[in-house]
PDB file of N, CA and C in Angstrom:
ATOM      1  N   MET A   1     143.160  36.946  73.533  1.00  0.00           N
ATOM      2  CA  MET A   1     142.293  36.439  72.489  1.00  0.00           C
ATOM      3  C   MET A   1     140.882  36.960  72.712  1.00  0.00           C
ATOM      4  N   MET A   2     140.246  37.443  71.664  1.00  0.00           N
ATOM      5  CA  MET A   2     138.918  38.037  71.783  1.00  0.00           C
ATOM      6  C   MET A   2     137.834  36.969  71.759  1.00  0.00           C
ATOM      7  N   LYS A   3     136.813  37.221  72.537  1.00  0.00           N
ATOM      8  CA  LYS A   3     135.646  36.338  72.572  1.00  0.00           C
ATOM      9  C   LYS A   3     134.783  36.626  71.343  1.00  0.00           C
ATOM     10  N   PRO A   4     134.291  35.596  70.650  1.00  0.00           N
ATOM     11  CA  PRO A   4     133.453  35.859  69.471  1.00  0.00           C
ATOM     12  C   PRO A   4     132.154  36.559  69.869  1.00  0.00           C
ATOM     13  N   PRO A   5     131.631  37.400  68.997  1.00  0.00           N
ATOM     14  CA  PRO A   5     130.399  38.119  69.326  1.00  0.00           C
ATOM     15  C   PRO A   5     129.225  37.167  69.457  1.00  0.00           C
ATOM     16  N   LYS A   6     128.251  37.578  70.263  1.00  0.00           N
ATOM     17  CA  LYS A   6     127.037  36.788  70.413  1.00  0.00           C
ATOM     18  C   LYS A   6     126.237  36.846  69.124  1.00  0.00           C
ATOM     19  N   ARG A   7     125.510  35.780  68.887  1.00  0.00           N
ATOM     20  CA  ARG A   7     124.612  35.750  67.734  1.00  0.00           C
ATOM     21  C   ARG A   7     123.222  36.099  68.243  1.00  0.00           C
ATOM     22  N   ILE A   8     122.662  37.148  67.707  1.00  0.00           N
ATOM     23  CA  ILE A   8     121.329  37.586  68.097  1.00  0.00           C
ATOM     24  C   ILE A   8     120.337  37.058  67.071  1.00  0.00           C
ATOM     25  N   VAL A   9     119.288  36.407  67.571  1.00  0.00           N
ATOM     26  CA  VAL A   9     118.256  35.875  66.694  1.00  0.00           C
ATOM     27  C   VAL A   9     116.955  36.613  66.952  1.00  0.00           C
ATOM     28  N   ARG A  10     116.081  36.594  65.970  1.00  0.00           N
ATOM     29  CA  ARG A  10     114.816  37.310  66.075  1.00  0.00           C
ATOM     30  C   ARG A  10     113.740  36.443  66.713  1.00  0.00           C
ATOM     31  N   PHE A  11     112.596  37.047  66.932  1.00  0.00           N
ATOM     32  CA  PHE A  11     111.483  36.403  67.616  1.00  0.00           C
ATOM     33  C   PHE A  11     111.029  35.140  66.892  1.00  0.00           C
ATOM     34  N   SER A  12     111.063  35.148  65.580  1.00  0.00           N
ATOM     35  CA  SER A  12     110.616  33.978  64.819  1.00  0.00           C
ATOM     36  C   SER A  12     111.478  32.752  65.130  1.00  0.00           C
ATOM     37  N   TYR A  13     112.770  32.954  65.351  1.00  0.00           N
ATOM     38  CA  TYR A  13     113.654  31.847  65.718  1.00  0.00           C
ATOM     39  C   TYR A  13     113.253  31.286  67.081  1.00  0.00           C
ATOM     40  N   LEU A  14     112.951  32.172  68.029  1.00  0.00           N
ATOM     41  CA  LEU A  14     112.524  31.748  69.367  1.00  0.00           C
ATOM     42  C   LEU A  14     111.254  30.915  69.282  1.00  0.00           C
ATOM     43  N   MET A  15     110.282  31.378  68.505  1.00  0.00           N
ATOM     44  CA  MET A  15     109.025  30.649  68.367  1.00  0.00           C
ATOM     45  C   MET A  15     109.262  29.283  67.730  1.00  0.00           C
ATOM     46  N   HIS A  16     110.071  29.248  66.699  1.00  0.00           N
ATOM     47  CA  HIS A  16     110.344  27.992  66.005  1.00  0.00           C
ATOM     48  C   HIS A  16     111.092  27.012  66.920  1.00  0.00           C
ATOM     49  N   ALA A  17     112.086  27.511  67.647  1.00  0.00           N
ATOM     50  CA  ALA A  17     112.903  26.646  68.500  1.00  0.00           C
ATOM     51  C   ALA A  17     112.107  26.074  69.669  1.00  0.00           C
ATOM     52  N   THR A  18     111.221  26.874  70.253  1.00  0.00           N
ATOM     53  CA  THR A  18     110.465  26.424  71.421  1.00  0.00           C
ATOM     54  C   THR A  18     109.154  25.753  71.050  1.00  0.00           C
ATOM     55  N   GLY A  19     108.648  26.044  69.854  1.00  0.00           N
ATOM     56  CA  GLY A  19     107.353  25.506  69.451  1.00  0.00           C
ATOM     57  C   GLY A  19     106.193  26.261  70.065  1.00  0.00           C
ATOM     58  N   LEU A  20     106.467  27.426  70.631  1.00  0.00           N
ATOM     59  CA  LEU A  20     105.426  28.236  71.265  1.00  0.00           C
ATOM     60  C   LEU A  20     104.910  29.303  70.303  1.00  0.00           C
ATOM     61  N   SER A  21     103.669  29.706  70.509  1.00  0.00           N
ATOM     62  CA  SER A  21     103.107  30.803  69.720  1.00  0.00           C
ATOM     63  C   SER A  21     103.674  32.130  70.230  1.00  0.00           C
ATOM     64  N   ARG A  22     103.410  33.187  69.490  1.00  0.00           N
ATOM     65  CA  ARG A  22     103.880  34.513  69.891  1.00  0.00           C
ATOM     66  C   ARG A  22     103.339  34.886  71.274  1.00  0.00           C
ATOM     67  N   GLY A  23     102.041  34.674  71.471  1.00  0.00           N
ATOM     68  CA  GLY A  23     101.425  35.009  72.755  1.00  0.00           C
ATOM     69  C   GLY A  23     101.988  34.187  73.899  1.00  0.00           C
ATOM     70  N   ALA A  24     102.216  32.899  73.649  1.00  0.00           N
ATOM     71  CA  ALA A  24     102.778  32.032  74.686  1.00  0.00           C
ATOM     72  C   ALA A  24     104.200  32.464  75.042  1.00  0.00           C
ATOM     73  N   CYS A  25     104.966  32.904  74.056  1.00  0.00           N
ATOM     74  CA  CYS A  25     106.327  33.392  74.330  1.00  0.00           C
ATOM     75  C   CYS A  25     106.271  34.624  75.226  1.00  0.00           C
ATOM     76  N   TYR A  26     105.355  35.555  74.931  1.00  0.00           N
ATOM     77  CA  TYR A  26     105.240  36.758  75.761  1.00  0.00           C
ATOM     78  C   TYR A  26     104.811  36.402  77.181  1.00  0.00           C
ATOM     79  N   ARG A  27     103.904  35.437  77.324  1.00  0.00           N
ATOM     80  CA  ARG A  27     103.495  35.013  78.672  1.00  0.00           C
ATOM     81  C   ARG A  27     104.683  34.417  79.422  1.00  0.00           C
ATOM     82  N   GLU A  28     105.475  33.608  78.730  1.00  0.00           N
ATOM     83  CA  GLU A  28     106.652  33.009  79.355  1.00  0.00           C
ATOM     84  C   GLU A  28     107.678  34.077  79.748  1.00  0.00           C
ATOM     85  N   MET A  29     107.846  35.100  78.905  1.00  0.00           N
ATOM     86  CA  MET A  29     108.796  36.172  79.221  1.00  0.00           C
ATOM     87  C   MET A  29     108.406  36.864  80.520  1.00  0.00           C
ATOM     88  N   LYS A  30     107.098  37.004  80.757  1.00  0.00           N
ATOM     89  CA  LYS A  30     106.627  37.666  81.975  1.00  0.00           C
ATOM     90  C   LYS A  30     106.734  36.771  83.201  1.00  0.00           C
ATOM     91  N   SER A  31     106.436  35.491  83.045  1.00  0.00           N
ATOM     92  CA  SER A  31     106.263  34.642  84.222  1.00  0.00           C
ATOM     93  C   SER A  31     107.403  33.657  84.498  1.00  0.00           C
ATOM     94  N   ASN A  32     108.235  33.354  83.522  1.00  0.00           N
ATOM     95  CA  ASN A  32     109.261  32.328  83.690  1.00  0.00           C
ATOM     96  C   ASN A  32     110.655  32.970  83.719  1.00  0.00           C
ATOM     97  N   PRO A  33     111.292  32.999  84.891  1.00  0.00           N
ATOM     98  CA  PRO A  33     112.622  33.631  84.973  1.00  0.00           C
ATOM     99  C   PRO A  33     113.708  32.874  84.204  1.00  0.00           C
ATOM    100  N   GLU A  34     113.453  31.619  83.843  1.00  0.00           N
ATOM    101  CA  GLU A  34     114.432  30.849  83.077  1.00  0.00           C
ATOM    102  C   GLU A  34     114.329  31.103  81.574  1.00  0.00           C
ATOM    103  N   PHE A  35     113.259  31.739  81.135  1.00  0.00           N
ATOM    104  CA  PHE A  35     113.050  31.994  79.709  1.00  0.00           C
ATOM    105  C   PHE A  35     114.115  32.976  79.218  1.00  0.00           C
ATOM    106  N   PRO A  36     114.610  32.808  77.990  1.00  0.00           N
ATOM    107  CA  PRO A  36     115.640  33.723  77.473  1.00  0.00           C
ATOM    108  C   PRO A  36     115.205  35.183  77.553  1.00  0.00           C
ATOM    109  N   LYS A  37     116.145  36.033  77.942  1.00  0.00           N
ATOM    110  CA  LYS A  37     115.867  37.465  78.086  1.00  0.00           C
ATOM    111  C   LYS A  37     115.929  38.158  76.725  1.00  0.00           C
ATOM    112  N   LYS A  38     115.015  39.099  76.545  1.00  0.00           N
ATOM    113  CA  LYS A  38     114.989  39.832  75.275  1.00  0.00           C
ATOM    114  C   LYS A  38     116.101  40.864  75.230  1.00  0.00           C
ATOM    115  N   ILE A  39     116.522  41.173  74.021  1.00  0.00           N
ATOM    116  CA  ILE A  39     117.505  42.220  73.752  1.00  0.00           C
ATOM    117  C   ILE A  39     116.797  43.237  72.879  1.00  0.00           C
ATOM    118  N   VAL A  40     116.685  44.459  73.350  1.00  0.00           N
ATOM    119  CA  VAL A  40     115.993  45.497  72.592  1.00  0.00           C
ATOM    120  C   VAL A  40     116.894  45.945  71.446  1.00  0.00           C
ATOM    121  N   LEU A  41     116.375  45.811  70.217  1.00  0.00           N
ATOM    122  CA  LEU A  41     117.134  46.164  69.022  1.00  0.00           C
ATOM    123  C   LEU A  41     116.700  47.501  68.441  1.00  0.00           C
ATOM    124  N   GLY A  42     115.512  47.914  68.777  1.00  0.00           N
ATOM    125  CA  GLY A  42     114.974  49.169  68.265  1.00  0.00           C
ATOM    126  C   GLY A  42     113.646  49.448  68.927  1.00  0.00           C
ATOM    127  N   ILE A  43     112.938  50.422  68.398  1.00  0.00           N
ATOM    128  CA  ILE A  43     111.667  50.816  68.985  1.00  0.00           C
ATOM    129  C   ILE A  43     110.669  49.665  68.960  1.00  0.00           C
ATOM    130  N   ARG A  44     110.611  48.949  67.854  1.00  0.00           N
ATOM    131  CA  ARG A  44     109.644  47.857  67.714  1.00  0.00           C
ATOM    132  C   ARG A  44     110.296  46.534  67.358  1.00  0.00           C
ATOM    133  N   ALA A  45     111.533  46.349  67.809  1.00  0.00           N
ATOM    134  CA  ALA A  45     112.243  45.125  67.461  1.00  0.00           C
ATOM    135  C   ALA A  45     112.997  44.576  68.675  1.00  0.00           C
ATOM    136  N   ILE A  46     112.862  43.270  68.889  1.00  0.00           N
ATOM    137  CA  ILE A  46     113.620  42.609  69.931  1.00  0.00           C
ATOM    138  C   ILE A  46     114.302  41.385  69.350  1.00  0.00           C
ATOM    139  N   GLY A  47     115.352  40.973  70.024  1.00  0.00           N
ATOM    140  CA  GLY A  47     116.071  39.774  69.635  1.00  0.00           C
ATOM    141  C   GLY A  47     116.419  38.982  70.882  1.00  0.00           C
ATOM    142  N   PHE A  48     117.082  37.856  70.678  1.00  0.00           N
ATOM    143  CA  PHE A  48     117.458  36.982  71.774  1.00  0.00           C
ATOM    144  C   PHE A  48     118.844  36.418  71.499  1.00  0.00           C
ATOM    145  N   ASP A  49     119.594  36.163  72.567  1.00  0.00           N
ATOM    146  CA  ASP A  49     120.896  35.532  72.442  1.00  0.00           C
ATOM    147  C   ASP A  49     120.653  34.080  72.012  1.00  0.00           C
ATOM    148  N   ALA A  50     121.195  33.697  70.886  1.00  0.00           N
ATOM    149  CA  ALA A  50     120.963  32.354  70.341  1.00  0.00           C
ATOM    150  C   ALA A  50     121.423  31.267  71.307  1.00  0.00           C
ATOM    151  N   ASP A  51     122.511  31.512  72.024  1.00  0.00           N
ATOM    152  CA  ASP A  51     123.004  30.515  72.980  1.00  0.00           C
ATOM    153  C   ASP A  51     122.012  30.316  74.126  1.00  0.00           C
ATOM    154  N   GLU A  52     121.393  31.410  74.598  1.00  0.00           N
ATOM    155  CA  GLU A  52     120.392  31.306  75.662  1.00  0.00           C
ATOM    156  C   GLU A  52     119.164  30.533  75.187  1.00  0.00           C
ATOM    157  N   VAL A  53     118.729  30.805  73.965  1.00  0.00           N
ATOM    158  CA  VAL A  53     117.568  30.101  73.412  1.00  0.00           C
ATOM    159  C   VAL A  53     117.871  28.610  73.297  1.00  0.00           C
ATOM    160  N   ASP A  54     119.027  28.281  72.754  1.00  0.00           N
ATOM    161  CA  ASP A  54     119.399  26.876  72.572  1.00  0.00           C
ATOM    162  C   ASP A  54     119.541  26.160  73.917  1.00  0.00           C
ATOM    163  N   ALA A  55     120.113  26.838  74.924  1.00  0.00           N
ATOM    164  CA  ALA A  55     120.255  26.235  76.256  1.00  0.00           C
ATOM    165  C   ALA A  55     118.885  26.013  76.894  1.00  0.00           C
ATOM    166  N   PHE A  56     117.971  26.963  76.701  1.00  0.00           N
ATOM    167  CA  PHE A  56     116.623  26.828  77.243  1.00  0.00           C
ATOM    168  C   PHE A  56     115.900  25.633  76.613  1.00  0.00           C
ATOM    169  N   VAL A  57     116.005  25.498  75.323  1.00  0.00           N
ATOM    170  CA  VAL A  57     115.372  24.380  74.625  1.00  0.00           C
ATOM    171  C   VAL A  57     115.993  23.057  75.085  1.00  0.00           C
ATOM    172  N   LYS A  58     117.297  23.043  75.279  1.00  0.00           N
ATOM    173  CA  LYS A  58     117.982  21.830  75.753  1.00  0.00           C
ATOM    174  C   LYS A  58     117.438  21.425  77.131  1.00  0.00           C
ATOM    175  N   LYS A  59     117.234  22.423  78.023  1.00  0.00           N
ATOM    176  CA  LYS A  59     116.671  22.135  79.346  1.00  0.00           C
ATOM    177  C   LYS A  59     115.269  21.532  79.228  1.00  0.00           C
ATOM    178  N   LEU A  60     114.460  22.085  78.327  1.00  0.00           N
ATOM    179  CA  LEU A  60     113.107  21.568  78.136  1.00  0.00           C
ATOM    180  C   LEU A  60     113.134  20.116  77.661  1.00  0.00           C
ATOM    181  N   ILE A  61     114.047  19.826  76.763  1.00  0.00           N
ATOM    182  CA  ILE A  61     114.170  18.465  76.244  1.00  0.00           C
ATOM    183  C   ILE A  61     114.603  17.510  77.357  1.00  0.00           C
ATOM    184  N   GLU A  62     115.581  17.938  78.159  1.00  0.00           N
ATOM    185  CA  GLU A  62     116.074  17.106  79.255  1.00  0.00           C
ATOM    186  C   GLU A  62     114.971  16.824  80.286  1.00  0.00           C
ATOM    187  N   ARG A  63     114.118  17.808  80.528  1.00  0.00           N
ATOM    188  CA  ARG A  63     113.014  17.638  81.485  1.00  0.00           C
ATOM    189  C   ARG A  63     111.865  16.849  80.904  1.00  0.00           C
ATOM    190  N   GLY A  64     111.871  16.724  79.584  1.00  0.00           N
ATOM    191  CA  GLY A  64     110.801  16.000  78.909  1.00  0.00           C
ATOM    192  C   GLY A  64     109.534  16.832  78.736  1.00  0.00           C
ATOM    193  N   THR A  65     109.683  18.154  78.734  1.00  0.00           N
ATOM    194  CA  THR A  65     108.510  19.026  78.567  1.00  0.00           C
ATOM    195  C   THR A  65     108.351  19.523  77.150  1.00  0.00           C
ATOM    196  N   ILE A  66     109.199  19.069  76.263  1.00  0.00           N
ATOM    197  CA  ILE A  66     109.052  19.472  74.850  1.00  0.00           C
ATOM    198  C   ILE A  66     109.038  18.246  73.991  1.00  0.00           C
TER     199      ILE A  66
END
């Protein structure tokens, strides 16, 4: 049985889900190893695994930091 493909979401989804600004997301990408990893989609485009973003937000909620 085949595993369903990952759902890739764009940067706007990441910002909306985390409540962080664009700049804050970039700072987190550099400094926080738990932050969802980017997926390079093109020369000027990145995306994120939707499951990783959702799991990260769930962790923030559980810790009470969001």
